[in-house]
PDB file of N, CA and C in Angstrom:
ATOM      1  N   MET A   1     -26.721   7.733  21.975  1.00  0.00           N
ATOM      2  CA  MET A   1     -27.418   6.501  21.977  1.00  0.00           C
ATOM      3  C   MET A   1     -29.026   6.680  21.665  1.00  0.00           C
ATOM      4  N   ASP A   2     -29.672   5.848  21.147  1.00  0.00           N
ATOM      5  CA  ASP A   2     -31.476   5.746  21.360  1.00  0.00           C
ATOM      6  C   ASP A   2     -31.632   4.639  21.876  1.00  0.00           C
ATOM      7  N   ASN A   3     -33.402   4.432  22.716  1.00  0.00           N
ATOM      8  CA  ASN A   3     -33.213   3.488  22.814  1.00  0.00           C
ATOM      9  C   ASN A   3     -33.198   2.107  22.222  1.00  0.00           C
ATOM     10  N   THR A   4     -33.116   1.632  20.954  1.00  0.00           N
ATOM     11  CA  THR A   4     -33.208   0.848  20.505  1.00  0.00           C
ATOM     12  C   THR A   4     -31.576   0.148  20.336  1.00  0.00           C
ATOM     13  N   GLN A   5     -30.544   0.675  20.708  1.00  0.00           N
ATOM     14  CA  GLN A   5     -28.826   1.003  20.274  1.00  0.00           C
ATOM     15  C   GLN A   5     -28.814   0.477  21.511  1.00  0.00           C
ATOM     16  N   GLN A   6     -29.701   1.037  22.909  1.00  0.00           N
ATOM     17  CA  GLN A   6     -29.449   0.147  24.471  1.00  0.00           C
ATOM     18  C   GLN A   6     -29.662  -0.647  24.625  1.00  0.00           C
ATOM     19  N   GLU A   7     -30.915  -0.980  24.134  1.00  0.00           N
ATOM     20  CA  GLU A   7     -31.451  -2.501  24.289  1.00  0.00           C
ATOM     21  C   GLU A   7     -30.585  -3.410  23.722  1.00  0.00           C
ATOM     22  N   GLN A   8     -30.523  -3.413  22.426  1.00  0.00           N
ATOM     23  CA  GLN A   8     -29.092  -4.541  21.852  1.00  0.00           C
ATOM     24  C   GLN A   8     -27.471  -4.054  22.942  1.00  0.00           C
ATOM     25  N   ARG A   9     -27.109  -3.270  23.042  1.00  0.00           N
ATOM     26  CA  ARG A   9     -26.000  -3.387  23.522  1.00  0.00           C
ATOM     27  C   ARG A   9     -25.894  -4.693  24.828  1.00  0.00           C
ATOM     28  N   LYS A  10     -24.666  -5.071  24.820  1.00  0.00           N
ATOM     29  CA  LYS A  10     -24.555  -6.376  25.611  1.00  0.00           C
ATOM     30  C   LYS A  10     -23.162  -5.997  26.727  1.00  0.00           C
ATOM     31  N   TYR A  11     -23.171  -5.833  27.563  1.00  0.00           N
ATOM     32  CA  TYR A  11     -21.981  -5.437  28.340  1.00  0.00           C
ATOM     33  C   TYR A  11     -21.143  -6.682  28.604  1.00  0.00           C
ATOM     34  N   GLN A  12     -19.938  -6.710  28.503  1.00  0.00           N
ATOM     35  CA  GLN A  12     -19.442  -7.880  28.820  1.00  0.00           C
ATOM     36  C   GLN A  12     -18.749  -8.347  29.942  1.00  0.00           C
ATOM     37  N   THR A  13     -18.054  -6.953  30.879  1.00  0.00           N
ATOM     38  CA  THR A  13     -17.126  -7.258  31.794  1.00  0.00           C
ATOM     39  C   THR A  13     -18.091  -5.659  32.549  1.00  0.00           C
ATOM     40  N   LEU A  14     -16.957  -5.569  33.983  1.00  0.00           N
ATOM     41  CA  LEU A  14     -17.446  -4.972  34.887  1.00  0.00           C
ATOM     42  C   LEU A  14     -17.142  -3.547  34.404  1.00  0.00           C
ATOM     43  N   SER A  15     -15.730  -3.324  33.895  1.00  0.00           N
ATOM     44  CA  SER A  15     -15.390  -2.342  33.305  1.00  0.00           C
ATOM     45  C   SER A  15     -16.100  -1.473  32.024  1.00  0.00           C
ATOM     46  N   ASP A  16     -17.076  -2.171  31.260  1.00  0.00           N
ATOM     47  CA  ASP A  16     -17.715  -1.904  30.368  1.00  0.00           C
ATOM     48  C   ASP A  16     -19.047  -1.221  31.233  1.00  0.00           C
ATOM     49  N   ILE A  17     -19.460  -1.271  32.418  1.00  0.00           N
ATOM     50  CA  ILE A  17     -20.715  -1.353  32.933  1.00  0.00           C
ATOM     51  C   ILE A  17     -20.479   0.348  33.504  1.00  0.00           C
ATOM     52  N   ARG A  18     -19.037   0.038  34.075  1.00  0.00           N
ATOM     53  CA  ARG A  18     -18.465   1.379  34.888  1.00  0.00           C
ATOM     54  C   ARG A  18     -18.571   2.540  34.214  1.00  0.00           C
ATOM     55  N   HIS A  19     -17.892   1.847  32.818  1.00  0.00           N
ATOM     56  CA  HIS A  19     -17.740   3.043  31.797  1.00  0.00           C
ATOM     57  C   HIS A  19     -19.149   3.686  31.192  1.00  0.00           C
ATOM     58  N   ARG A  20     -20.012   3.037  31.432  1.00  0.00           N
ATOM     59  CA  ARG A  20     -22.004   3.665  30.880  1.00  0.00           C
ATOM     60  C   ARG A  20     -22.467   4.200  32.170  1.00  0.00           C
ATOM     61  N   LYS A  21     -21.802   3.173  33.282  1.00  0.00           N
ATOM     62  CA  LYS A  21     -22.684   4.225  34.405  1.00  0.00           C
ATOM     63  C   LYS A  21     -21.978   5.820  34.657  1.00  0.00           C
ATOM     64  N   GLU A  22     -20.256   6.161  34.279  1.00  0.00           N
ATOM     65  CA  GLU A  22     -20.217   7.032  34.218  1.00  0.00           C
ATOM     66  C   GLU A  22     -20.373   8.086  33.383  1.00  0.00           C
ATOM     67  N   MET A  23     -20.832   7.516  31.844  1.00  0.00           N
ATOM     68  CA  MET A  23     -21.432   8.400  30.924  1.00  0.00           C
ATOM     69  C   MET A  23     -22.722   8.688  31.465  1.00  0.00           C
ATOM     70  N   ALA A  24     -23.103   7.884  31.781  1.00  0.00           N
ATOM     71  CA  ALA A  24     -25.080   8.232  32.133  1.00  0.00           C
ATOM     72  C   ALA A  24     -24.826   9.537  33.268  1.00  0.00           C
ATOM     73  N   LEU A  25     -24.373   9.446  34.168  1.00  0.00           N
ATOM     74  CA  LEU A  25     -24.263  10.257  35.452  1.00  0.00           C
ATOM     75  C   LEU A  25     -23.652  11.381  34.879  1.00  0.00           C
ATOM     76  N   ALA A  26     -22.233  11.703  33.666  1.00  0.00           N
ATOM     77  CA  ALA A  26     -21.822  12.515  33.618  1.00  0.00           C
ATOM     78  C   ALA A  26     -23.069  13.888  32.383  1.00  0.00           C
ATOM     79  N   GLN A  27     -23.751  12.722  32.056  1.00  0.00           N
ATOM     80  CA  GLN A  27     -25.038  13.185  31.419  1.00  0.00           C
ATOM     81  C   GLN A  27     -26.303  13.652  32.116  1.00  0.00           C
ATOM     82  N   ILE A  28     -26.604  13.214  32.929  1.00  0.00           N
ATOM     83  CA  ILE A  28     -27.295  13.430  34.047  1.00  0.00           C
ATOM     84  C   ILE A  28     -27.257  14.373  34.771  1.00  0.00           C
ATOM     85  N   ARG A  29     -25.557  14.911  35.441  1.00  0.00           N
ATOM     86  CA  ARG A  29     -24.929  16.059  35.871  1.00  0.00           C
ATOM     87  C   ARG A  29     -25.350  17.626  34.567  1.00  0.00           C
ATOM     88  N   ALA A  30     -25.157  17.240  33.674  1.00  0.00           N
ATOM     89  CA  ALA A  30     -25.526  18.328  32.505  1.00  0.00           C
ATOM     90  C   ALA A  30     -26.713  18.369  32.269  1.00  0.00           C
ATOM     91  N   ASN A  31     -27.939  17.831  32.127  1.00  0.00           N
ATOM     92  CA  ASN A  31     -29.084  17.687  31.925  1.00  0.00           C
ATOM     93  C   ASN A  31     -29.689  18.427  33.144  1.00  0.00           C
ATOM     94  N   ASN A  32     -29.248  18.149  34.543  1.00  0.00           N
ATOM     95  CA  ASN A  32     -29.676  18.682  35.391  1.00  0.00           C
ATOM     96  C   ASN A  32     -29.337  19.923  35.500  1.00  0.00           C
ATOM     97  N   LYS A  33     -27.874  20.563  35.463  1.00  0.00           N
ATOM     98  CA  LYS A  33     -27.408  21.719  35.257  1.00  0.00           C
ATOM     99  C   LYS A  33     -27.901  22.689  34.191  1.00  0.00           C
ATOM    100  N   GLU A  34     -28.294  21.986  32.941  1.00  0.00           N
ATOM    101  CA  GLU A  34     -29.423  23.245  31.954  1.00  0.00           C
ATOM    102  C   GLU A  34     -30.281  23.108  32.540  1.00  0.00           C
ATOM    103  N   MET A  35     -31.112  22.486  33.485  1.00  0.00           N
ATOM    104  CA  MET A  35     -32.478  22.730  33.340  1.00  0.00           C
ATOM    105  C   MET A  35     -32.555  23.525  34.995  1.00  0.00           C
ATOM    106  N   GLY A  36     -31.772  23.524  35.819  1.00  0.00           N
ATOM    107  CA  GLY A  36     -31.258  24.648  36.936  1.00  0.00           C
ATOM    108  C   GLY A  36     -31.043  25.933  35.849  1.00  0.00           C
ATOM    109  N   PHE A  37     -30.553  26.060  35.085  1.00  0.00           N
ATOM    110  CA  PHE A  37     -30.119  27.297  34.732  1.00  0.00           C
ATOM    111  C   PHE A  37     -31.480  27.828  34.017  1.00  0.00           C
ATOM    112  N   LEU A  38     -32.351  27.059  33.237  1.00  0.00           N
ATOM    113  CA  LEU A  38     -33.685  27.361  32.620  1.00  0.00           C
ATOM    114  C   LEU A  38     -34.976  27.684  33.846  1.00  0.00           C
ATOM    115  N   TRP A  39     -34.449  27.213  34.548  1.00  0.00           N
ATOM    116  CA  TRP A  39     -35.452  27.463  35.656  1.00  0.00           C
ATOM    117  C   TRP A  39     -35.358  28.807  36.270  1.00  0.00           C
ATOM    118  N   LYS A  40     -33.984  28.805  36.927  1.00  0.00           N
ATOM    119  CA  LYS A  40     -33.889  30.168  37.263  1.00  0.00           C
ATOM    120  C   LYS A  40     -34.271  31.200  36.032  1.00  0.00           C
ATOM    121  N   SER A  41     -33.880  30.905  35.356  1.00  0.00           N
ATOM    122  CA  SER A  41     -34.181  32.289  34.460  1.00  0.00           C
ATOM    123  C   SER A  41     -35.513  32.522  33.933  1.00  0.00           C
ATOM    124  N   LEU A  42     -36.539  30.881  34.107  1.00  0.00           N
ATOM    125  CA  LEU A  42     -37.997  31.110  33.866  1.00  0.00           C
ATOM    126  C   LEU A  42     -38.710  32.467  35.158  1.00  0.00           C
ATOM    127  N   PHE A  43     -37.853  31.922  36.529  1.00  0.00           N
ATOM    128  CA  PHE A  43     -38.506  33.429  37.627  1.00  0.00           C
ATOM    129  C   PHE A  43     -37.598  34.407  38.119  1.00  0.00           C
ATOM    130  N   ASP A  44     -36.648  34.279  36.612  1.00  0.00           N
ATOM    131  CA  ASP A  44     -35.895  36.093  37.044  1.00  0.00           C
ATOM    132  C   ASP A  44     -36.364  37.032  36.774  1.00  0.00           C
ATOM    133  N   LYS A  45     -36.237  38.345  37.690  1.00  0.00           N
ATOM    134  CA  LYS A  45     -36.739  39.198  37.475  1.00  0.00           C
ATOM    135  C   LYS A  45     -35.793  40.261  36.475  1.00  0.00           C
ATOM    136  N   HIS A  46     -36.398  40.797  35.090  1.00  0.00           N
ATOM    137  CA  HIS A  46     -35.697  41.142  34.248  1.00  0.00           C
ATOM    138  C   HIS A  46     -35.568  43.169  35.118  1.00  0.00           C
ATOM    139  N   GLN A  47     -34.282  43.311  35.432  1.00  0.00           N
ATOM    140  CA  GLN A  47     -34.308  44.456  35.687  1.00  0.00           C
ATOM    141  C   GLN A  47     -34.338  45.768  34.570  1.00  0.00           C
ATOM    142  N   PRO A  48     -34.863  46.985  34.734  1.00  0.00           N
ATOM    143  CA  PRO A  48     -35.303  47.775  33.505  1.00  0.00           C
ATOM    144  C   PRO A  48     -33.556  48.516  33.606  1.00  0.00           C
ATOM    145  N   LYS A  49     -33.337  48.899  32.825  1.00  0.00           N
ATOM    146  CA  LYS A  49     -32.038  49.227  32.353  1.00  0.00           C
ATOM    147  C   LYS A  49     -32.330  51.038  32.620  1.00  0.00           C
ATOM    148  N   LYS A  50     -31.410  51.571  33.955  1.00  0.00           N
ATOM    149  CA  LYS A  50     -31.683  52.522  34.563  1.00  0.00           C
ATOM    150  C   LYS A  50     -30.907  53.758  32.998  1.00  0.00           C
ATOM    151  N   SER A  51     -31.630  54.873  32.854  1.00  0.00           N
ATOM    152  CA  SER A  51     -31.370  55.798  32.271  1.00  0.00           C
ATOM    153  C   SER A  51     -30.956  56.965  32.693  1.00  0.00           C
ATOM    154  N   GLY A  52     -30.269  57.154  33.263  1.00  0.00           N
ATOM    155  CA  GLY A  52     -29.887  58.157  33.859  1.00  0.00           C
ATOM    156  C   GLY A  52     -30.876  59.222  34.591  1.00  0.00           C
ATOM    157  N   LYS A  53     -31.171  60.172  34.510  1.00  0.00           N
ATOM    158  CA  LYS A  53     -32.159  61.592  35.058  1.00  0.00           C
ATOM    159  C   LYS A  53     -33.717  61.002  34.293  1.00  0.00           C
ATOM    160  N   ALA A  54     -33.729  60.830  33.159  1.00  0.00           N
ATOM    161  CA  ALA A  54     -34.964  60.565  33.057  1.00  0.00           C
ATOM    162  C   ALA A  54     -35.407  59.354  33.790  1.00  0.00           C
ATOM    163  N   PHE A  55     -35.275  58.164  34.452  1.00  0.00           N
ATOM    164  CA  PHE A  55     -35.518  57.457  35.159  1.00  0.00           C
ATOM    165  C   PHE A  55     -35.856  57.825  36.135  1.00  0.00           C
ATOM    166  N   THR A  56     -34.671  58.860  37.154  1.00  0.00           N
ATOM    167  CA  THR A  56     -35.136  59.614  38.575  1.00  0.00           C
ATOM    168  C   THR A  56     -36.129  60.437  38.090  1.00  0.00           C
ATOM    169  N   VAL A  57     -36.660  60.970  37.384  1.00  0.00           N
ATOM    170  CA  VAL A  57     -37.789  62.074  37.757  1.00  0.00           C
ATOM    171  C   VAL A  57     -38.967  61.032  37.240  1.00  0.00           C
ATOM    172  N   SER A  58     -39.050  59.657  36.324  1.00  0.00           N
ATOM    173  CA  SER A  58     -40.390  59.301  36.653  1.00  0.00           C
ATOM    174  C   SER A  58     -40.569  58.713  37.983  1.00  0.00           C
ATOM    175  N   SER A  59     -39.510  58.650  38.577  1.00  0.00           N
ATOM    176  CA  SER A  59     -39.720  57.742  39.757  1.00  0.00           C
ATOM    177  C   SER A  59     -40.265  58.508  40.533  1.00  0.00           C
ATOM    178  N   VAL A  60     -39.129  59.939  41.098  1.00  0.00           N
ATOM    179  CA  VAL A  60     -39.598  61.035  41.777  1.00  0.00           C
ATOM    180  C   VAL A  60     -40.717  61.233  41.460  1.00  0.00           C
ATOM    181  N   LEU A  61     -41.880  61.298  40.255  1.00  0.00           N
ATOM    182  CA  LEU A  61     -43.181  61.761  39.884  1.00  0.00           C
ATOM    183  C   LEU A  61     -43.836  60.802  40.114  1.00  0.00           C
ATOM    184  N   LYS A  62     -43.847  59.328  40.028  1.00  0.00           N
ATOM    185  CA  LYS A  62     -44.614  58.476  40.642  1.00  0.00           C
ATOM    186  C   LYS A  62     -44.474  58.255  41.620  1.00  0.00           C
ATOM    187  N   THR A  63     -43.648  58.512  42.603  1.00  0.00           N
ATOM    188  CA  THR A  63     -43.821  58.372  44.006  1.00  0.00           C
ATOM    189  C   THR A  63     -44.515  59.217  44.459  1.00  0.00           C
ATOM    190  N   GLY A  64     -44.141  60.712  44.031  1.00  0.00           N
ATOM    191  CA  GLY A  64     -44.966  61.782  44.729  1.00  0.00           C
ATOM    192  C   GLY A  64     -46.407  61.764  44.202  1.00  0.00           C
ATOM    193  N   ILE A  65     -46.793  61.159  43.223  1.00  0.00           N
ATOM    194  CA  ILE A  65     -48.375  61.014  43.056  1.00  0.00           C
ATOM    195  C   ILE A  65     -48.956  60.166  43.983  1.00  0.00           C
ATOM    196  N   GLY A  66     -47.837  58.839  44.148  1.00  0.00           N
ATOM    197  CA  GLY A  66     -48.804  58.242  45.113  1.00  0.00           C
ATOM    198  C   GLY A  66     -49.055  58.423  46.275  1.00  0.00           C
ATOM    199  N   VAL A  67     -48.047  59.529  47.088  1.00  0.00           N
ATOM    200  CA  VAL A  67     -48.082  59.961  48.369  1.00  0.00           C
ATOM    201  C   VAL A  67     -49.042  60.972  48.101  1.00  0.00           C
ATOM    202  N   PHE A  68     -49.534  62.028  46.997  1.00  0.00           N
ATOM    203  CA  PHE A  68     -50.690  62.941  46.937  1.00  0.00           C
ATOM    204  C   PHE A  68     -51.633  61.878  47.413  1.00  0.00           C
ATOM    205  N   ASP A  69     -51.896  61.334  46.160  1.00  0.00           N
ATOM    206  CA  ASP A  69     -53.241  59.916  46.096  1.00  0.00           C
ATOM    207  C   ASP A  69     -53.528  59.406  47.770  1.00  0.00           C
ATOM    208  N   GLY A  70     -52.269  59.228  48.307  1.00  0.00           N
ATOM    209  CA  GLY A  70     -52.655  58.649  49.911  1.00  0.00           C
ATOM    210  C   GLY A  70     -53.034  59.764  50.651  1.00  0.00           C
ATOM    211  N   ILE A  71     -52.821  61.028  51.163  1.00  0.00           N
ATOM    212  CA  ILE A  71     -52.958  61.670  51.852  1.00  0.00           C
ATOM    213  C   ILE A  71     -54.457  62.274  50.750  1.00  0.00           C
ATOM    214  N   LEU A  72     -54.830  62.351  49.420  1.00  0.00           N
ATOM    215  CA  LEU A  72     -56.367  62.472  49.792  1.00  0.00           C
ATOM    216  C   LEU A  72     -57.437  61.735  49.948  1.00  0.00           C
ATOM    217  N   PHE A  73     -56.704  60.350  49.958  1.00  0.00           N
ATOM    218  CA  PHE A  73     -57.327  59.214  50.919  1.00  0.00           C
ATOM    219  C   PHE A  73     -57.570  59.544  52.271  1.00  0.00           C
ATOM    220  N   VAL A  74     -56.376  59.739  52.799  1.00  0.00           N
ATOM    221  CA  VAL A  74     -56.827  60.161  54.370  1.00  0.00           C
ATOM    222  C   VAL A  74     -57.972  60.997  54.572  1.00  0.00           C
ATOM    223  N   TRP A  75     -57.470  61.753  53.919  1.00  0.00           N
ATOM    224  CA  TRP A  75     -58.547  63.444  54.140  1.00  0.00           C
ATOM    225  C   TRP A  75     -59.854  63.246  53.631  1.00  0.00           C
ATOM    226  N   LYS A  76     -60.143  62.203  52.952  1.00  0.00           N
ATOM    227  CA  LYS A  76     -61.587  61.948  52.644  1.00  0.00           C
ATOM    228  C   LYS A  76     -62.562  61.043  53.903  1.00  0.00           C
ATOM    229  N   ILE A  77     -61.384  59.975  54.369  1.00  0.00           N
ATOM    230  CA  ILE A  77     -61.545  58.882  55.253  1.00  0.00           C
ATOM    231  C   ILE A  77     -61.876  60.290  56.577  1.00  0.00           C
ATOM    232  N   TYR A  78     -60.880  60.692  56.871  1.00  0.00           N
ATOM    233  CA  TYR A  78     -61.080  62.020  58.050  1.00  0.00           C
ATOM    234  C   TYR A  78     -62.455  62.705  57.906  1.00  0.00           C
ATOM    235  N   ARG A  79     -62.978  63.286  57.315  1.00  0.00           N
ATOM    236  CA  ARG A  79     -64.053  63.801  57.022  1.00  0.00           C
ATOM    237  C   ARG A  79     -65.182  63.454  56.553  1.00  0.00           C
ATOM    238  N   LYS A  80     -65.153  61.815  56.260  1.00  0.00           N
ATOM    239  CA  LYS A  80     -66.141  61.065  56.704  1.00  0.00           C
ATOM    240  C   LYS A  80     -66.708  60.857  57.731  1.00  0.00           C
ATOM    241  N   PHE A  81     -65.881  60.400  58.571  1.00  0.00           N
ATOM    242  CA  PHE A  81     -65.832  59.949  60.135  1.00  0.00           C
ATOM    243  C   PHE A  81     -65.898  60.629  61.109  1.00  0.00           C
ATOM    244  N   LYS A  82     -65.373  62.180  60.788  1.00  0.00           N
ATOM    245  CA  LYS A  82     -65.069  63.292  61.412  1.00  0.00           C
ATOM    246  C   LYS A  82     -66.590  63.889  62.126  1.00  0.00           C
ATOM    247  N   LYS A  83     -67.861  63.487  61.262  1.00  0.00           N
ATOM    248  CA  LYS A  83     -68.985  63.616  61.864  1.00  0.00           C
ATOM    249  C   LYS A  83     -69.508  62.789  63.255  1.00  0.00           C
TER     250      LYS A  83
END
């Protein structure tokens, strides 16, 4: 129903009003559910698919390089403030 039809509609009994109220409430709940789903999907982190050994090797390599970089950084700081 669009706005022009809603403005022209006249309610004759309380049961007409109750029926329209139930229809509006059902529509509001459906819209709320859809908006909730869209909101969650907007901020949902997409996890990359793990592809077995290749994922594990790259993860270990990335972690190892990070640890090595940290050790070099600590060593440079230690040498600088040792004097």
